Protein backbone atom coordinates (compact mmCIF):
# COMPACT_ATOMS: atom_id res chain seq x y z
CA MET A 1 41.69 -36.06 68.79
CA SER A 2 40.59 -32.62 67.57
CA ILE A 3 42.27 -31.28 64.45
CA TRP A 4 42.19 -27.83 66.04
CA ASN A 5 45.47 -26.79 67.67
CA ARG A 6 45.46 -23.03 67.23
CA LYS A 7 45.32 -20.50 70.11
CA ASP A 8 44.13 -17.71 67.79
CA LEU A 9 41.62 -17.06 64.96
CA ILE A 10 43.08 -14.32 62.82
CA ALA A 11 42.07 -15.09 59.24
CA LEU A 12 40.12 -17.75 57.34
CA ALA A 13 42.82 -17.58 54.71
CA ASP A 14 45.05 -19.40 57.19
CA LEU A 15 42.64 -22.30 57.83
CA SER A 16 42.34 -25.60 56.03
CA ALA A 17 39.02 -26.89 54.81
CA GLU A 18 39.18 -29.45 57.65
CA GLU A 19 39.61 -26.70 60.25
CA LEU A 20 36.75 -24.70 58.76
CA LEU A 21 34.47 -27.74 58.87
CA PHE A 22 35.48 -28.44 62.48
CA LEU A 23 34.40 -24.93 63.47
CA LEU A 24 31.11 -25.25 61.58
CA GLU A 25 30.37 -28.65 63.13
CA THR A 26 31.17 -27.32 66.57
CA ALA A 27 28.84 -24.40 65.94
CA LYS A 28 26.12 -26.84 65.06
CA ALA A 29 26.46 -28.41 68.44
CA PHE A 30 26.39 -25.08 70.22
CA LYS A 31 23.29 -23.87 68.32
CA GLY A 32 21.37 -26.50 70.28
CA VAL A 33 22.48 -24.77 73.51
CA GLY A 34 20.69 -21.61 72.40
CA GLU A 35 17.47 -23.52 71.99
CA ARG A 36 17.43 -24.74 75.60
CA GLU A 37 15.49 -23.07 78.43
CA ILE A 38 18.80 -22.49 80.18
CA LYS A 39 21.12 -21.27 77.47
CA LYS A 40 24.42 -21.90 79.28
CA VAL A 41 27.23 -24.44 79.47
CA PRO A 42 30.35 -24.34 81.74
CA ALA A 43 32.80 -24.89 78.82
CA LEU A 44 34.84 -21.71 79.65
CA ARG A 45 34.12 -21.44 83.36
CA GLY A 46 37.00 -19.66 85.06
CA LYS A 47 38.24 -18.03 81.78
CA THR A 48 38.33 -14.30 81.35
CA LEU A 49 37.46 -12.74 77.99
CA ILE A 50 38.14 -9.08 77.12
CA ASN A 51 36.20 -7.51 74.25
CA PHE A 52 38.69 -4.88 73.08
CA PHE A 53 36.92 -2.83 70.38
CA VAL A 54 39.14 0.01 69.10
CA GLU A 55 36.69 0.49 66.20
CA PRO A 56 32.96 0.93 66.88
CA SER A 57 30.66 -2.07 66.76
CA THR A 58 27.28 -3.05 68.07
CA ARG A 59 26.16 -6.45 66.83
CA THR A 60 29.63 -8.14 66.80
CA ARG A 61 30.60 -6.92 70.25
CA ILE A 62 27.29 -7.92 71.78
CA SER A 63 27.41 -11.31 69.98
CA PHE A 64 30.85 -12.06 71.39
CA GLU A 65 29.85 -10.93 74.87
CA LEU A 66 26.67 -13.08 74.88
CA SER A 67 28.53 -16.02 73.43
CA ALA A 68 31.17 -15.85 76.15
CA LEU A 69 28.55 -15.52 78.89
CA ARG A 70 26.72 -18.60 77.51
CA LEU A 71 30.07 -20.44 77.88
CA SER A 72 30.26 -19.25 81.52
CA ALA A 73 33.34 -17.06 80.95
CA ASP A 74 33.81 -13.73 82.74
CA VAL A 75 33.53 -10.80 80.24
CA ILE A 76 35.01 -7.28 80.31
CA ASN A 77 34.21 -4.76 77.57
CA ILE A 78 36.70 -2.02 76.60
CA SER A 79 36.41 0.55 73.86
CA ALA A 80 39.05 2.87 72.43
CA THR A 81 37.41 5.90 74.04
CA THR A 82 37.63 4.32 77.57
CA SER A 83 41.20 2.89 77.19
CA SER A 84 44.67 4.41 77.59
CA LEU A 85 44.97 4.47 73.79
CA GLN A 86 43.40 7.90 74.18
CA LYS A 87 46.39 8.96 76.23
CA GLY A 88 48.90 7.84 73.65
CA GLU A 89 49.57 4.27 74.90
CA THR A 90 50.41 1.84 72.08
CA LEU A 91 48.18 -1.04 71.17
CA LYS A 92 50.90 -3.46 72.22
CA ASP A 93 51.27 -1.95 75.65
CA THR A 94 47.55 -1.76 76.25
CA ALA A 95 47.16 -5.45 75.31
CA LEU A 96 50.18 -6.51 77.47
CA ASN A 97 48.52 -4.84 80.40
CA LEU A 98 45.31 -6.69 79.71
CA GLU A 99 47.24 -9.93 79.61
CA ALA A 100 49.00 -9.02 82.85
CA LEU A 101 45.52 -8.85 84.38
CA LEU A 102 45.29 -12.58 83.45
CA ALA A 103 43.02 -12.26 80.44
CA ASP A 104 42.71 -15.64 78.66
CA ILE A 105 41.03 -14.44 75.43
CA ILE A 106 41.14 -11.00 73.81
CA VAL A 107 38.62 -10.28 71.08
CA LEU A 108 39.99 -7.42 69.01
CA ARG A 109 38.29 -5.17 66.53
CA HIS A 110 40.64 -2.58 64.95
CA SER A 111 40.63 -0.22 62.00
CA SER A 112 44.13 -1.29 60.94
CA ALA A 113 44.63 -4.45 58.94
CA GLY A 114 47.07 -6.80 60.67
CA ALA A 115 46.36 -5.53 64.22
CA ALA A 116 45.07 -8.93 65.45
CA HIS A 117 48.06 -10.73 63.87
CA PHE A 118 50.41 -8.24 65.48
CA LEU A 119 49.07 -9.06 68.98
CA SER A 120 48.88 -12.80 68.35
CA GLU A 121 52.63 -12.86 67.89
CA ARG A 122 53.31 -10.99 71.16
CA LEU A 123 50.78 -12.29 73.63
CA HIS A 124 50.19 -15.69 75.18
CA ALA A 125 46.42 -14.93 75.43
CA SER A 126 44.27 -16.18 72.59
CA ILE A 127 43.47 -13.40 70.06
CA ILE A 128 40.19 -13.53 68.12
CA ASN A 129 39.98 -11.15 65.16
CA ALA A 130 36.58 -9.37 65.24
CA GLY A 131 37.48 -7.38 62.13
CA ASP A 132 40.67 -5.65 61.14
CA GLY A 133 40.40 -2.88 58.64
CA ALA A 134 39.61 -4.10 55.20
CA HIS A 135 41.48 -7.39 55.80
CA GLU A 136 39.17 -10.02 57.26
CA HIS A 137 36.22 -10.60 59.58
CA PRO A 138 36.53 -14.37 60.16
CA THR A 139 33.56 -14.98 62.42
CA GLN A 140 31.26 -13.20 59.94
CA GLY A 141 32.56 -15.46 57.19
CA LEU A 142 31.99 -18.44 59.38
CA LEU A 143 28.41 -17.49 60.35
CA ASP A 144 27.54 -16.76 56.71
CA GLY A 145 28.88 -20.21 55.72
CA PHE A 146 27.06 -21.81 58.59
CA THR A 147 23.75 -20.20 57.57
CA ILE A 148 24.09 -21.40 54.01
CA LEU A 149 25.11 -24.86 55.12
CA GLU A 150 22.13 -25.02 57.49
CA LYS A 151 19.69 -24.16 54.67
CA TYR A 152 21.18 -26.24 51.85
CA GLY A 153 23.00 -28.98 53.72
CA ARG A 154 26.06 -28.36 51.63
CA LEU A 155 28.31 -25.65 50.18
CA GLN A 156 29.88 -27.76 47.39
CA GLY A 157 28.65 -26.60 44.00
CA LEU A 158 26.38 -23.74 45.19
CA GLU A 159 26.42 -20.51 43.23
CA VAL A 160 27.05 -17.70 45.66
CA ALA A 161 26.99 -14.01 44.58
CA ILE A 162 28.57 -11.36 46.77
CA VAL A 163 27.36 -7.91 45.69
CA GLY A 164 28.65 -4.49 46.64
CA ASP A 165 31.82 -2.89 47.93
CA ILE A 166 34.24 -5.81 47.67
CA LEU A 167 37.43 -3.75 47.56
CA PHE A 168 37.06 -2.38 51.11
CA SER A 169 35.10 -5.28 52.64
CA ARG A 170 36.67 -7.57 55.20
CA VAL A 171 33.40 -9.59 55.16
CA ALA A 172 33.77 -10.32 51.48
CA ARG A 173 37.34 -11.55 51.89
CA SER A 174 36.45 -13.97 54.72
CA ASN A 175 33.51 -15.20 52.72
CA ILE A 176 35.57 -15.79 49.65
CA TYR A 177 38.18 -17.86 51.52
CA LEU A 178 35.61 -20.03 53.30
CA LEU A 179 33.31 -20.57 50.34
CA THR A 180 36.03 -21.43 47.77
CA LYS A 181 37.76 -23.76 50.18
CA LEU A 182 34.51 -25.63 50.78
CA GLY A 183 33.60 -25.98 47.14
CA ALA A 184 31.13 -23.12 46.38
CA LYS A 185 31.29 -21.16 43.20
CA VAL A 186 31.62 -17.46 44.00
CA THR A 187 30.81 -14.50 41.84
CA LEU A 188 31.64 -10.91 42.88
CA VAL A 189 29.33 -8.19 41.62
CA GLY A 190 29.73 -4.45 41.70
CA PRO A 191 31.14 -1.38 39.93
CA SER A 192 34.59 -1.92 38.40
CA THR A 193 36.08 0.57 40.81
CA LEU A 194 34.99 -1.51 43.82
CA VAL A 195 35.28 -5.02 42.24
CA PRO A 196 38.54 -4.96 40.24
CA GLN A 197 39.44 -7.96 38.07
CA LYS A 198 42.41 -8.77 40.34
CA PHE A 199 39.98 -10.58 42.63
CA GLU A 200 39.84 -13.37 40.12
CA THR A 201 43.19 -14.57 41.40
CA LEU A 202 41.27 -15.75 44.53
CA GLY A 203 39.39 -18.32 42.41
CA VAL A 204 36.20 -16.30 41.93
CA ARG A 205 34.37 -14.86 38.95
CA VAL A 206 33.91 -11.06 38.63
CA THR A 207 31.01 -9.31 36.84
CA HIS A 208 29.92 -5.74 36.80
CA HIS A 209 26.27 -6.48 36.03
CA ILE A 210 23.94 -7.73 38.77
CA ASP A 211 21.46 -8.95 36.20
CA ASP A 212 24.03 -11.64 35.15
CA ILE A 213 23.52 -13.59 38.34
CA LEU A 214 19.86 -13.12 39.33
CA GLU A 215 18.48 -16.29 37.73
CA THR A 216 21.40 -18.55 38.67
CA ALA A 217 22.36 -17.59 42.21
CA ASP A 218 21.57 -19.94 45.09
CA VAL A 219 22.72 -17.26 47.56
CA ILE A 220 23.06 -13.47 47.20
CA ASN A 221 25.00 -11.76 49.94
CA LEU A 222 24.68 -7.93 49.87
CA LEU A 223 27.34 -5.67 51.26
CA ARG A 224 26.99 -1.98 52.12
CA ILE A 225 29.27 0.68 50.73
CA GLN A 226 32.18 1.19 53.18
CA HIS A 227 32.22 5.01 53.02
CA GLU A 228 34.31 5.21 56.21
CA ARG A 229 37.20 3.29 54.56
CA GLN A 230 37.13 5.18 51.28
CA HIS A 231 39.21 8.29 50.67
CA LYS A 232 37.63 9.24 47.40
CA GLU A 233 34.37 8.55 45.56
CA TYR A 234 34.34 5.27 43.77
CA PHE A 235 31.01 5.82 41.88
CA PRO A 236 29.00 8.95 40.93
CA GLY A 237 26.24 8.60 43.54
CA LEU A 238 23.85 6.40 45.50
CA GLY A 239 21.10 6.81 42.95
CA GLU A 240 23.19 5.33 40.20
CA TYR A 241 24.38 2.56 42.53
CA VAL A 242 20.77 1.59 43.32
CA THR A 243 19.86 1.52 39.63
CA LEU A 244 22.81 -0.60 38.62
CA PHE A 245 23.42 -2.85 41.65
CA GLY A 246 20.56 -2.50 44.20
CA LEU A 247 18.47 -5.56 44.96
CA THR A 248 15.21 -3.88 44.09
CA LYS A 249 11.74 -5.39 44.25
CA GLU A 250 11.87 -6.14 40.52
CA ARG A 251 15.23 -7.96 40.87
CA VAL A 252 13.97 -9.98 43.89
CA ALA A 253 11.19 -11.31 41.65
CA ARG A 254 13.79 -12.74 39.24
CA LEU A 255 15.61 -14.76 41.90
CA LYS A 256 15.23 -18.48 42.29
CA PRO A 257 12.36 -19.39 44.69
CA LYS A 258 14.88 -20.91 47.20
CA CYS A 259 17.63 -18.25 46.68
CA LEU A 260 18.86 -16.99 50.10
CA ILE A 261 19.13 -13.28 50.60
CA MET A 262 21.87 -12.37 53.11
CA HIS A 263 23.35 -9.20 54.55
CA PRO A 264 25.99 -8.84 57.33
CA GLY A 265 24.45 -5.55 58.51
CA PRO A 266 24.03 -2.80 59.15
CA MET A 267 21.63 -2.56 56.18
CA ASN A 268 21.00 0.59 54.12
CA ARG A 269 17.44 -0.07 52.98
CA GLY A 270 16.70 1.40 49.62
CA VAL A 271 20.40 1.34 48.66
CA GLU A 272 21.96 -2.14 48.48
CA ILE A 273 18.73 -3.86 49.42
CA ASP A 274 15.03 -3.08 49.17
CA SER A 275 12.61 -3.87 51.95
CA GLU A 276 11.04 -6.47 49.68
CA GLY A 277 14.35 -8.44 49.90
CA ALA A 278 15.23 -7.67 53.47
CA ASP A 279 11.86 -8.71 54.90
CA GLY A 280 10.76 -11.35 52.41
CA ALA A 281 10.52 -15.14 52.66
CA ARG A 282 13.97 -15.59 51.07
CA SER A 283 15.74 -13.41 53.66
CA VAL A 284 17.86 -15.09 56.27
CA ILE A 285 19.39 -11.89 57.62
CA LEU A 286 18.07 -12.25 61.20
CA GLU A 287 19.04 -15.98 61.18
CA GLN A 288 22.57 -14.82 60.40
CA VAL A 289 22.52 -12.85 63.62
CA THR A 290 21.25 -15.86 65.60
CA ASN A 291 23.84 -18.14 63.97
CA GLY A 292 26.57 -15.69 64.90
CA LEU A 293 26.10 -16.73 68.54
CA ALA A 294 26.64 -20.42 67.76
CA VAL A 295 29.66 -19.71 65.56
CA ARG A 296 31.34 -17.39 68.09
CA MET A 297 30.68 -19.87 70.87
CA ALA A 298 32.48 -22.47 68.72
CA VAL A 299 35.47 -20.21 68.06
CA LEU A 300 35.82 -19.15 71.70
CA TYR A 301 35.51 -22.80 72.74
CA ALA A 302 38.15 -23.98 70.27
CA CYS A 303 40.72 -21.21 70.92
CA GLY A 304 40.03 -20.90 74.59
CA GLY A 305 40.57 -24.55 75.35
CA GLY A 306 36.95 -25.24 76.28
CA LYS A 307 35.82 -28.53 77.74
CA GLY A 308 32.58 -30.51 77.51
CA ILE A 309 30.44 -28.80 74.88
CA LEU A 310 27.08 -30.12 76.14
CA THR A 311 27.71 -30.76 79.78
């Protein structure tokens, strides 16, 4: 019997190590589907998924849409600009109307932390958090973990550095929860204004010098500066940020030969990452995108009550 009995995926902080491993193992099975000539299974045939993106997105929305279609679900895409939210309708009422149209799964991206949890308590439909403010982005955390696991065959004991804007990053939080629960050693790197010491309470190490981790990291995950979530400047300028924290060509040369370079996108080339790192042999950035399909298929399958993974 499956250990998964949740209708929603809201936050990786809520999941046990066993539940995380179940989703990663399920994603492994679904990755094989993407390598077939016919990349489709009937696991969610007859189910209706609504992509409800109140905050802009490209890769996450498309990834969820393609994942649902590969599971044979019917998919409808709604954005804030085309919904009744523009007319003053509340999020709750909009979602209740979507459920009244017999939606089985609602994938929600919202600028407010807690929006997905709010709906999960009020709707019978499955709610999948596609990113809520600076809280969490659970499927990104899962696909990052899946990519590392695929390359190393383990997470236990690996040295993973997450570099950049940690304070405002939902990706960082989801990565921290998954990696620490599955035994990786996580170091957060960035300016003290964006990587405060309080993060150490999550079981990670904090440093404000990227050169501290270059020779020891097995994985380096680079995050962009979340200007849209900041209400003041947290460092003097981009030039100083590149000098102190950018993964430049010179810093790439100091990494372990097998160190993975990751980025959740969108990348700002020449800021957090140089083209030498983004396009080099160590980079698994595009593999992360591909793996996002397998992971989101696994999540939709688990929360949507899917049947018969490979039939």
